[in-house]
mmCIF file of all heavy atoms, coordinates in Angstrom:
data_MODEL
# 
_entry.id   MODEL 
# 
loop_
_atom_site.group_PDB 
_atom_site.id 
_atom_site.type_symbol 
_atom_site.label_atom_id 
_atom_site.label_alt_id 
_atom_site.label_comp_id 
_atom_site.label_asym_id 
_atom_site.label_entity_id 
_atom_site.label_seq_id 
_atom_site.pdbx_PDB_ins_code 
_atom_site.Cartn_x 
_atom_site.Cartn_y 
_atom_site.Cartn_z 
_atom_site.occupancy 
_atom_site.B_iso_or_equiv 
_atom_site.pdbx_formal_charge 
_atom_site.auth_seq_id 
_atom_site.auth_comp_id 
_atom_site.auth_asym_id 
_atom_site.auth_atom_id 
_atom_site.pdbx_PDB_model_num 
ATOM 1   N N   . SER A 1 1  ? 136.462 218.027 80.941 1.00 0.00 ? 1  SER A N   1 
ATOM 2   C CA  . SER A 1 1  ? 136.739 217.123 82.061 1.00 0.00 ? 1  SER A CA  1 
ATOM 3   C C   . SER A 1 1  ? 137.658 215.935 81.678 1.00 0.00 ? 1  SER A C   1 
ATOM 4   O O   . SER A 1 1  ? 137.846 215.675 80.488 1.00 0.00 ? 1  SER A O   1 
ATOM 5   C CB  . SER A 1 1  ? 135.523 216.568 82.725 1.00 0.00 ? 1  SER A CB  1 
ATOM 6   O OG  . SER A 1 1  ? 134.892 215.686 81.878 1.00 0.00 ? 1  SER A OG  1 
ATOM 7   N N   . GLY A 1 2  ? 138.233 215.400 82.602 1.00 0.00 ? 2  GLY A N   1 
ATOM 8   C CA  . GLY A 1 2  ? 139.175 214.240 82.327 1.00 0.00 ? 2  GLY A CA  1 
ATOM 9   C C   . GLY A 1 2  ? 139.198 213.259 83.536 1.00 0.00 ? 2  GLY A C   1 
ATOM 10  O O   . GLY A 1 2  ? 138.931 213.676 84.677 1.00 0.00 ? 2  GLY A O   1 
ATOM 11  N N   . THR A 1 3  ? 139.405 212.072 83.257 1.00 0.00 ? 3  THR A N   1 
ATOM 12  C CA  . THR A 1 3  ? 139.453 211.076 84.363 1.00 0.00 ? 3  THR A CA  1 
ATOM 13  C C   . THR A 1 3  ? 140.760 210.204 84.196 1.00 0.00 ? 3  THR A C   1 
ATOM 14  O O   . THR A 1 3  ? 141.082 209.813 83.089 1.00 0.00 ? 3  THR A O   1 
ATOM 15  C CB  . THR A 1 3  ? 138.278 210.027 84.236 1.00 0.00 ? 3  THR A CB  1 
ATOM 16  O OG1 . THR A 1 3  ? 137.105 210.767 84.234 1.00 0.00 ? 3  THR A OG1 1 
ATOM 17  C CG2 . THR A 1 3  ? 138.290 209.037 85.316 1.00 0.00 ? 3  THR A CG2 1 
ATOM 18  N N   . ILE A 1 4  ? 141.446 210.094 85.255 1.00 0.00 ? 4  ILE A N   1 
ATOM 19  C CA  . ILE A 1 4  ? 142.644 209.202 85.356 1.00 0.00 ? 4  ILE A CA  1 
ATOM 20  C C   . ILE A 1 4  ? 142.361 207.843 85.959 1.00 0.00 ? 4  ILE A C   1 
ATOM 21  O O   . ILE A 1 4  ? 141.719 207.774 87.079 1.00 0.00 ? 4  ILE A O   1 
ATOM 22  C CB  . ILE A 1 4  ? 143.773 209.932 86.206 1.00 0.00 ? 4  ILE A CB  1 
ATOM 23  C CG1 . ILE A 1 4  ? 144.125 211.286 85.608 1.00 0.00 ? 4  ILE A CG1 1 
ATOM 24  C CG2 . ILE A 1 4  ? 145.019 208.984 86.252 1.00 0.00 ? 4  ILE A CG2 1 
ATOM 25  C CD1 . ILE A 1 4  ? 145.087 212.045 86.472 1.00 0.00 ? 4  ILE A CD1 1 
ATOM 26  N N   . HIS A 1 5  ? 142.650 206.792 85.160 1.00 0.00 ? 5  HIS A N   1 
ATOM 27  C CA  . HIS A 1 5  ? 142.439 205.430 85.655 1.00 0.00 ? 5  HIS A CA  1 
ATOM 28  C C   . HIS A 1 5  ? 143.774 204.819 85.961 1.00 0.00 ? 5  HIS A C   1 
ATOM 29  O O   . HIS A 1 5  ? 144.730 204.972 85.222 1.00 0.00 ? 5  HIS A O   1 
ATOM 30  C CB  . HIS A 1 5  ? 141.709 204.601 84.656 1.00 0.00 ? 5  HIS A CB  1 
ATOM 31  C CG  . HIS A 1 5  ? 140.339 205.128 84.252 1.00 0.00 ? 5  HIS A CG  1 
ATOM 32  N ND1 . HIS A 1 5  ? 139.224 204.740 84.979 1.00 0.00 ? 5  HIS A ND1 1 
ATOM 33  C CD2 . HIS A 1 5  ? 139.879 205.947 83.327 1.00 0.00 ? 5  HIS A CD2 1 
ATOM 34  C CE1 . HIS A 1 5  ? 138.168 205.270 84.547 1.00 0.00 ? 5  HIS A CE1 1 
ATOM 35  N NE2 . HIS A 1 5  ? 138.518 206.035 83.503 1.00 0.00 ? 5  HIS A NE2 1 
ATOM 36  N N   . LEU A 1 6  ? 143.968 204.200 87.105 1.00 0.00 ? 6  LEU A N   1 
ATOM 37  C CA  . LEU A 1 6  ? 145.171 203.523 87.570 1.00 0.00 ? 6  LEU A CA  1 
ATOM 38  C C   . LEU A 1 6  ? 144.831 202.045 87.801 1.00 0.00 ? 6  LEU A C   1 
ATOM 39  O O   . LEU A 1 6  ? 143.838 201.736 88.385 1.00 0.00 ? 6  LEU A O   1 
ATOM 40  C CB  . LEU A 1 6  ? 145.728 204.159 88.810 1.00 0.00 ? 6  LEU A CB  1 
ATOM 41  C CG  . LEU A 1 6  ? 146.238 205.647 88.689 1.00 0.00 ? 6  LEU A CG  1 
ATOM 42  C CD1 . LEU A 1 6  ? 146.628 206.173 90.060 1.00 0.00 ? 6  LEU A CD1 1 
ATOM 43  C CD2 . LEU A 1 6  ? 147.314 205.757 87.717 1.00 0.00 ? 6  LEU A CD2 1 
ATOM 44  N N   . ALA A 1 7  ? 145.827 201.236 87.522 1.00 0.00 ? 7  ALA A N   1 
ATOM 45  C CA  . ALA A 1 7  ? 145.678 199.740 87.786 1.00 0.00 ? 7  ALA A CA  1 
ATOM 46  C C   . ALA A 1 7  ? 146.990 199.129 88.062 1.00 0.00 ? 7  ALA A C   1 
ATOM 47  O O   . ALA A 1 7  ? 148.002 199.509 87.362 1.00 0.00 ? 7  ALA A O   1 
ATOM 48  C CB  . ALA A 1 7  ? 145.030 199.037 86.700 1.00 0.00 ? 7  ALA A CB  1 
ATOM 49  N N   . PRO A 1 8  ? 147.185 198.381 89.143 1.00 0.00 ? 8  PRO A N   1 
ATOM 50  C CA  . PRO A 1 8  ? 148.555 197.745 89.477 1.00 0.00 ? 8  PRO A CA  1 
ATOM 51  C C   . PRO A 1 8  ? 148.843 196.709 88.383 1.00 0.00 ? 8  PRO A C   1 
ATOM 52  O O   . PRO A 1 8  ? 147.920 196.079 87.782 1.00 0.00 ? 8  PRO A O   1 
ATOM 53  C CB  . PRO A 1 8  ? 148.235 197.070 90.796 1.00 0.00 ? 8  PRO A CB  1 
ATOM 54  C CG  . PRO A 1 8  ? 146.769 196.841 90.865 1.00 0.00 ? 8  PRO A CG  1 
ATOM 55  C CD  . PRO A 1 8  ? 146.090 197.961 90.115 1.00 0.00 ? 8  PRO A CD  1 
ATOM 56  N N   . LEU A 1 9  ? 150.125 196.542 88.102 1.00 0.00 ? 9  LEU A N   1 
ATOM 57  C CA  . LEU A 1 9  ? 150.535 195.540 87.176 1.00 0.00 ? 9  LEU A CA  1 
ATOM 58  C C   . LEU A 1 9  ? 151.917 194.954 87.588 1.00 0.00 ? 9  LEU A C   1 
ATOM 59  O O   . LEU A 1 9  ? 152.681 195.563 88.366 1.00 0.00 ? 9  LEU A O   1 
ATOM 60  C CB  . LEU A 1 9  ? 150.582 195.992 85.790 1.00 0.00 ? 9  LEU A CB  1 
ATOM 61  C CG  . LEU A 1 9  ? 151.652 197.149 85.426 1.00 0.00 ? 9  LEU A CG  1 
ATOM 62  C CD1 . LEU A 1 9  ? 152.949 196.617 85.031 1.00 0.00 ? 9  LEU A CD1 1 
ATOM 63  C CD2 . LEU A 1 9  ? 150.977 198.040 84.311 1.00 0.00 ? 9  LEU A CD2 1 
ATOM 64  N N   . SER A 1 10 ? 152.317 193.849 87.027 1.00 0.00 ? 10 SER A N   1 
ATOM 65  C CA  . SER A 1 10 ? 153.589 193.257 87.253 1.00 0.00 ? 10 SER A CA  1 
ATOM 66  C C   . SER A 1 10 ? 154.249 192.917 85.945 1.00 0.00 ? 10 SER A C   1 
ATOM 67  O O   . SER A 1 10 ? 153.692 192.366 85.063 1.00 0.00 ? 10 SER A O   1 
ATOM 68  C CB  . SER A 1 10 ? 153.426 191.917 88.034 1.00 0.00 ? 10 SER A CB  1 
ATOM 69  O OG  . SER A 1 10 ? 154.669 191.282 88.214 1.00 0.00 ? 10 SER A OG  1 
ATOM 70  N N   . ASP A 1 11 ? 155.409 193.509 85.778 1.00 0.00 ? 11 ASP A N   1 
ATOM 71  C CA  . ASP A 1 11 ? 156.205 193.328 84.449 1.00 0.00 ? 11 ASP A CA  1 
ATOM 72  C C   . ASP A 1 11 ? 157.620 193.053 84.902 1.00 0.00 ? 11 ASP A C   1 
ATOM 73  O O   . ASP A 1 11 ? 158.503 193.930 85.195 1.00 0.00 ? 11 ASP A O   1 
ATOM 74  C CB  . ASP A 1 11 ? 156.101 194.624 83.674 1.00 0.00 ? 11 ASP A CB  1 
ATOM 75  C CG  . ASP A 1 11 ? 156.755 194.496 82.300 1.00 0.00 ? 11 ASP A CG  1 
ATOM 76  O OD1 . ASP A 1 11 ? 157.721 193.727 82.149 1.00 0.00 ? 11 ASP A OD1 1 
ATOM 77  O OD2 . ASP A 1 11 ? 156.363 195.158 81.344 1.00 0.00 ? 11 ASP A OD2 1 
ATOM 78  N N   . ALA A 1 12 ? 158.013 191.791 84.964 1.00 0.00 ? 12 ALA A N   1 
ATOM 79  C CA  . ALA A 1 12 ? 159.322 191.324 85.456 1.00 0.00 ? 12 ALA A CA  1 
ATOM 80  C C   . ALA A 1 12 ? 160.408 191.856 84.565 1.00 0.00 ? 12 ALA A C   1 
ATOM 81  O O   . ALA A 1 12 ? 161.481 192.318 85.074 1.00 0.00 ? 12 ALA A O   1 
ATOM 82  C CB  . ALA A 1 12 ? 159.445 189.800 85.425 1.00 0.00 ? 12 ALA A CB  1 
ATOM 83  N N   . GLU A 1 13 ? 160.195 191.971 83.251 1.00 0.00 ? 13 GLU A N   1 
ATOM 84  C CA  . GLU A 1 13 ? 161.216 192.401 82.293 1.00 0.00 ? 13 GLU A CA  1 
ATOM 85  C C   . GLU A 1 13 ? 161.530 193.875 82.564 1.00 0.00 ? 13 GLU A C   1 
ATOM 86  O O   . GLU A 1 13 ? 162.694 194.294 82.605 1.00 0.00 ? 13 GLU A O   1 
ATOM 87  C CB  . GLU A 1 13 ? 160.777 192.225 80.897 1.00 0.00 ? 13 GLU A CB  1 
ATOM 88  C CG  . GLU A 1 13 ? 161.818 192.638 79.807 1.00 0.00 ? 13 GLU A CG  1 
ATOM 89  C CD  . GLU A 1 13 ? 161.428 192.282 78.461 1.00 0.00 ? 13 GLU A CD  1 
ATOM 90  O OE1 . GLU A 1 13 ? 160.441 191.551 78.203 1.00 0.00 ? 13 GLU A OE1 1 
ATOM 91  O OE2 . GLU A 1 13 ? 162.082 192.785 77.459 1.00 0.00 ? 13 GLU A OE2 1 
ATOM 92  N N   . LEU A 1 14 ? 160.504 194.649 82.703 1.00 0.00 ? 14 LEU A N   1 
ATOM 93  C CA  . LEU A 1 14 ? 160.656 196.095 82.988 1.00 0.00 ? 14 LEU A CA  1 
ATOM 94  C C   . LEU A 1 14 ? 161.350 196.315 84.365 1.00 0.00 ? 14 LEU A C   1 
ATOM 95  O O   . LEU A 1 14 ? 162.212 197.226 84.499 1.00 0.00 ? 14 LEU A O   1 
ATOM 96  C CB  . LEU A 1 14 ? 159.317 196.834 82.938 1.00 0.00 ? 14 LEU A CB  1 
ATOM 97  C CG  . LEU A 1 14 ? 159.350 198.327 83.221 1.00 0.00 ? 14 LEU A CG  1 
ATOM 98  C CD1 . LEU A 1 14 ? 160.216 199.076 82.236 1.00 0.00 ? 14 LEU A CD1 1 
ATOM 99  C CD2 . LEU A 1 14 ? 157.890 198.929 83.218 1.00 0.00 ? 14 LEU A CD2 1 
ATOM 100 N N   . TRP A 1 15 ? 160.908 195.564 85.346 1.00 0.00 ? 15 TRP A N   1 
ATOM 101 C CA  . TRP A 1 15 ? 161.538 195.688 86.716 1.00 0.00 ? 15 TRP A CA  1 
ATOM 102 C C   . TRP A 1 15 ? 163.062 195.395 86.650 1.00 0.00 ? 15 TRP A C   1 
ATOM 103 O O   . TRP A 1 15 ? 163.826 196.088 87.228 1.00 0.00 ? 15 TRP A O   1 
ATOM 104 C CB  . TRP A 1 15 ? 160.881 194.686 87.650 1.00 0.00 ? 15 TRP A CB  1 
ATOM 105 C CG  . TRP A 1 15 ? 161.317 194.909 89.065 1.00 0.00 ? 15 TRP A CG  1 
ATOM 106 C CD1 . TRP A 1 15 ? 160.768 195.748 90.004 1.00 0.00 ? 15 TRP A CD1 1 
ATOM 107 C CD2 . TRP A 1 15 ? 162.416 194.218 89.706 1.00 0.00 ? 15 TRP A CD2 1 
ATOM 108 N NE1 . TRP A 1 15 ? 161.447 195.645 91.156 1.00 0.00 ? 15 TRP A NE1 1 
ATOM 109 C CE2 . TRP A 1 15 ? 162.468 194.789 91.048 1.00 0.00 ? 15 TRP A CE2 1 
ATOM 110 C CE3 . TRP A 1 15 ? 163.387 193.318 89.326 1.00 0.00 ? 15 TRP A CE3 1 
ATOM 111 C CZ2 . TRP A 1 15 ? 163.414 194.333 91.980 1.00 0.00 ? 15 TRP A CZ2 1 
ATOM 112 C CZ3 . TRP A 1 15 ? 164.328 192.930 90.270 1.00 0.00 ? 15 TRP A CZ3 1 
ATOM 113 C CH2 . TRP A 1 15 ? 164.394 193.415 91.545 1.00 0.00 ? 15 TRP A CH2 1 
ATOM 114 N N   . ASN A 1 16 ? 163.448 194.338 85.916 1.00 0.00 ? 16 ASN A N   1 
ATOM 115 C CA  . ASN A 1 16 ? 164.870 193.943 85.758 1.00 0.00 ? 16 ASN A CA  1 
ATOM 116 C C   . ASN A 1 16 ? 165.615 195.104 85.067 1.00 0.00 ? 16 ASN A C   1 
ATOM 117 O O   . ASN A 1 16 ? 166.739 195.352 85.405 1.00 0.00 ? 16 ASN A O   1 
ATOM 118 C CB  . ASN A 1 16 ? 165.016 192.625 84.994 1.00 0.00 ? 16 ASN A CB  1 
ATOM 119 C CG  . ASN A 1 16 ? 164.628 191.454 85.904 1.00 0.00 ? 16 ASN A CG  1 
ATOM 120 O OD1 . ASN A 1 16 ? 164.793 191.508 87.149 1.00 0.00 ? 16 ASN A OD1 1 
ATOM 121 N ND2 . ASN A 1 16 ? 164.080 190.355 85.253 1.00 0.00 ? 16 ASN A ND2 1 
ATOM 122 N N   . GLU A 1 17 ? 165.089 195.543 84.037 1.00 0.00 ? 17 GLU A N   1 
ATOM 123 C CA  . GLU A 1 17 ? 165.738 196.672 83.266 1.00 0.00 ? 17 GLU A CA  1 
ATOM 124 C C   . GLU A 1 17 ? 165.918 197.942 84.153 1.00 0.00 ? 17 GLU A C   1 
ATOM 125 O O   . GLU A 1 17 ? 167.006 198.475 84.159 1.00 0.00 ? 17 GLU A O   1 
ATOM 126 C CB  . GLU A 1 17 ? 164.868 196.998 82.136 1.00 0.00 ? 17 GLU A CB  1 
ATOM 127 C CG  . GLU A 1 17 ? 165.446 198.218 81.300 1.00 0.00 ? 17 GLU A CG  1 
ATOM 128 C CD  . GLU A 1 17 ? 164.537 198.663 80.181 1.00 0.00 ? 17 GLU A CD  1 
ATOM 129 O OE1 . GLU A 1 17 ? 163.654 197.895 79.740 1.00 0.00 ? 17 GLU A OE1 1 
ATOM 130 O OE2 . GLU A 1 17 ? 164.750 199.740 79.666 1.00 0.00 ? 17 GLU A OE2 1 
ATOM 131 N N   . THR A 1 18 ? 164.918 198.247 84.916 1.00 0.00 ? 18 THR A N   1 
ATOM 132 C CA  . THR A 1 18 ? 164.953 199.400 85.859 1.00 0.00 ? 18 THR A CA  1 
ATOM 133 C C   . THR A 1 18 ? 165.972 199.190 86.976 1.00 0.00 ? 18 THR A C   1 
ATOM 134 O O   . THR A 1 18 ? 166.779 200.060 87.269 1.00 0.00 ? 18 THR A O   1 
ATOM 135 C CB  . THR A 1 18 ? 163.601 199.738 86.467 1.00 0.00 ? 18 THR A CB  1 
ATOM 136 O OG1 . THR A 1 18 ? 162.724 199.911 85.337 1.00 0.00 ? 18 THR A OG1 1 
ATOM 137 C CG2 . THR A 1 18 ? 163.696 201.037 87.216 1.00 0.00 ? 18 THR A CG2 1 
ATOM 138 N N   . ILE A 1 19 ? 165.921 198.032 87.643 1.00 0.00 ? 19 ILE A N   1 
ATOM 139 C CA  . ILE A 1 19 ? 166.829 197.795 88.825 1.00 0.00 ? 19 ILE A CA  1 
ATOM 140 C C   . ILE A 1 19 ? 168.243 197.686 88.322 1.00 0.00 ? 19 ILE A C   1 
ATOM 141 O O   . ILE A 1 19 ? 169.195 198.087 88.983 1.00 0.00 ? 19 ILE A O   1 
ATOM 142 C CB  . ILE A 1 19 ? 166.420 196.510 89.536 1.00 0.00 ? 19 ILE A CB  1 
ATOM 143 C CG1 . ILE A 1 19 ? 167.016 196.505 90.932 1.00 0.00 ? 19 ILE A CG1 1 
ATOM 144 C CG2 . ILE A 1 19 ? 166.726 195.318 88.789 1.00 0.00 ? 19 ILE A CG2 1 
ATOM 145 C CD1 . ILE A 1 19 ? 166.489 197.691 91.808 1.00 0.00 ? 19 ILE A CD1 1 
ATOM 146 N N   . THR A 1 20 ? 168.477 197.196 87.111 1.00 0.00 ? 20 THR A N   1 
ATOM 147 C CA  . THR A 1 20 ? 169.889 197.068 86.559 1.00 0.00 ? 20 THR A CA  1 
ATOM 148 C C   . THR A 1 20 ? 170.451 198.512 86.366 1.00 0.00 ? 20 THR A C   1 
ATOM 149 O O   . THR A 1 20 ? 171.621 198.784 86.696 1.00 0.00 ? 20 THR A O   1 
ATOM 150 C CB  . THR A 1 20 ? 169.846 196.239 85.218 1.00 0.00 ? 20 THR A CB  1 
ATOM 151 O OG1 . THR A 1 20 ? 169.395 194.959 85.429 1.00 0.00 ? 20 THR A OG1 1 
ATOM 152 C CG2 . THR A 1 20 ? 171.291 196.255 84.599 1.00 0.00 ? 20 THR A CG2 1 
ATOM 153 N N   . LYS A 1 21 ? 169.640 199.393 85.785 1.00 0.00 ? 21 LYS A N   1 
ATOM 154 C CA  . LYS A 1 21 ? 170.087 200.814 85.678 1.00 0.00 ? 21 LYS A CA  1 
ATOM 155 C C   . LYS A 1 21 ? 170.413 201.420 87.009 1.00 0.00 ? 21 LYS A C   1 
ATOM 156 O O   . LYS A 1 21 ? 171.319 202.160 87.219 1.00 0.00 ? 21 LYS A O   1 
ATOM 157 C CB  . LYS A 1 21 ? 169.021 201.589 84.948 1.00 0.00 ? 21 LYS A CB  1 
ATOM 158 C CG  . LYS A 1 21 ? 168.870 201.219 83.485 1.00 0.00 ? 21 LYS A CG  1 
ATOM 159 C CD  . LYS A 1 21 ? 167.823 202.061 82.737 1.00 0.00 ? 21 LYS A CD  1 
ATOM 160 C CE  . LYS A 1 21 ? 167.658 201.637 81.322 1.00 0.00 ? 21 LYS A CE  1 
ATOM 161 N NZ  . LYS A 1 21 ? 166.649 202.356 80.613 1.00 0.00 ? 21 LYS A NZ  1 
ATOM 162 N N   . ALA A 1 22 ? 169.530 201.144 88.063 1.00 0.00 ? 22 ALA A N   1 
ATOM 163 C CA  . ALA A 1 22 ? 169.643 201.765 89.325 1.00 0.00 ? 22 ALA A CA  1 
ATOM 164 C C   . ALA A 1 22 ? 170.991 201.260 89.975 1.00 0.00 ? 22 ALA A C   1 
ATOM 165 O O   . ALA A 1 22 ? 171.701 202.023 90.624 1.00 0.00 ? 22 ALA A O   1 
ATOM 166 C CB  . ALA A 1 22 ? 168.451 201.466 90.249 1.00 0.00 ? 22 ALA A CB  1 
ATOM 167 N N   . ARG A 1 23 ? 171.284 199.939 89.837 1.00 0.00 ? 23 ARG A N   1 
ATOM 168 C CA  . ARG A 1 23 ? 172.405 199.376 90.448 1.00 0.00 ? 23 ARG A CA  1 
ATOM 169 C C   . ARG A 1 23 ? 173.781 199.867 89.853 1.00 0.00 ? 23 ARG A C   1 
ATOM 170 O O   . ARG A 1 23 ? 174.808 199.636 90.442 1.00 0.00 ? 23 ARG A O   1 
ATOM 171 C CB  . ARG A 1 23 ? 172.335 197.819 90.390 1.00 0.00 ? 23 ARG A CB  1 
ATOM 172 C CG  . ARG A 1 23 ? 171.302 197.317 91.495 1.00 0.00 ? 23 ARG A CG  1 
ATOM 173 C CD  . ARG A 1 23 ? 171.047 195.843 91.340 1.00 0.00 ? 23 ARG A CD  1 
ATOM 174 N NE  . ARG A 1 23 ? 170.176 195.404 92.387 1.00 0.00 ? 23 ARG A NE  1 
ATOM 175 C CZ  . ARG A 1 23 ? 169.490 194.247 92.372 1.00 0.00 ? 23 ARG A CZ  1 
ATOM 176 N NH1 . ARG A 1 23 ? 169.645 193.403 91.356 1.00 0.00 ? 23 ARG A NH1 1 
ATOM 177 N NH2 . ARG A 1 23 ? 168.628 193.918 93.337 1.00 0.00 ? 23 ARG A NH2 1 
ATOM 178 N N   . PHE A 1 24 ? 173.680 200.370 88.645 1.00 0.00 ? 24 PHE A N   1 
ATOM 179 C CA  . PHE A 1 24 ? 174.842 200.921 88.004 1.00 0.00 ? 24 PHE A CA  1 
ATOM 180 C C   . PHE A 1 24 ? 175.518 201.994 88.918 1.00 0.00 ? 24 PHE A C   1 
ATOM 181 O O   . PHE A 1 24 ? 176.790 201.997 89.058 1.00 0.00 ? 24 PHE A O   1 
ATOM 182 C CB  . PHE A 1 24 ? 174.491 201.599 86.726 1.00 0.00 ? 24 PHE A CB  1 
ATOM 183 C CG  . PHE A 1 24 ? 175.640 202.305 86.081 1.00 0.00 ? 24 PHE A CG  1 
ATOM 184 C CD1 . PHE A 1 24 ? 176.619 201.694 85.338 1.00 0.00 ? 24 PHE A CD1 1 
ATOM 185 C CD2 . PHE A 1 24 ? 175.697 203.676 86.262 1.00 0.00 ? 24 PHE A CD2 1 
ATOM 186 C CE1 . PHE A 1 24 ? 177.625 202.457 84.681 1.00 0.00 ? 24 PHE A CE1 1 
ATOM 187 C CE2 . PHE A 1 24 ? 176.774 204.427 85.631 1.00 0.00 ? 24 PHE A CE2 1 
ATOM 188 C CZ  . PHE A 1 24 ? 177.751 203.787 84.888 1.00 0.00 ? 24 PHE A CZ  1 
ATOM 189 N N   . TRP A 1 25 ? 174.614 202.706 89.623 1.00 0.00 ? 25 TRP A N   1 
ATOM 190 C CA  . TRP A 1 25 ? 175.142 203.802 90.487 1.00 0.00 ? 25 TRP A CA  1 
ATOM 191 C C   . TRP A 1 25 ? 175.520 203.359 91.875 1.00 0.00 ? 25 TRP A C   1 
ATOM 192 O O   . TRP A 1 25 ? 176.015 204.101 92.673 1.00 0.00 ? 25 TRP A O   1 
ATOM 193 C CB  . TRP A 1 25 ? 174.098 204.956 90.548 1.00 0.00 ? 25 TRP A CB  1 
ATOM 194 C CG  . TRP A 1 25 ? 173.797 205.535 89.268 1.00 0.00 ? 25 TRP A CG  1 
ATOM 195 C CD1 . TRP A 1 25 ? 172.710 205.241 88.491 1.00 0.00 ? 25 TRP A CD1 1 
ATOM 196 C CD2 . TRP A 1 25 ? 174.568 206.426 88.495 1.00 0.00 ? 25 TRP A CD2 1 
ATOM 197 N NE1 . TRP A 1 25 ? 172.786 205.964 87.274 1.00 0.00 ? 25 TRP A NE1 1 
ATOM 198 C CE2 . TRP A 1 25 ? 173.927 206.687 87.295 1.00 0.00 ? 25 TRP A CE2 1 
ATOM 199 C CE3 . TRP A 1 25 ? 175.843 207.041 88.721 1.00 0.00 ? 25 TRP A CE3 1 
ATOM 200 C CZ2 . TRP A 1 25 ? 174.418 207.538 86.284 1.00 0.00 ? 25 TRP A CZ2 1 
ATOM 201 C CZ3 . TRP A 1 25 ? 176.390 207.812 87.777 1.00 0.00 ? 25 TRP A CZ3 1 
ATOM 202 C CH2 . TRP A 1 25 ? 175.631 208.105 86.599 1.00 0.00 ? 25 TRP A CH2 1 
# 
């Protein structure tokens, strides 16, 4: 058996990196 655990988080650096890549297009 297996269990998946999820939790919300905030990571401003990761968000900026991701949105910068998205805005390239």
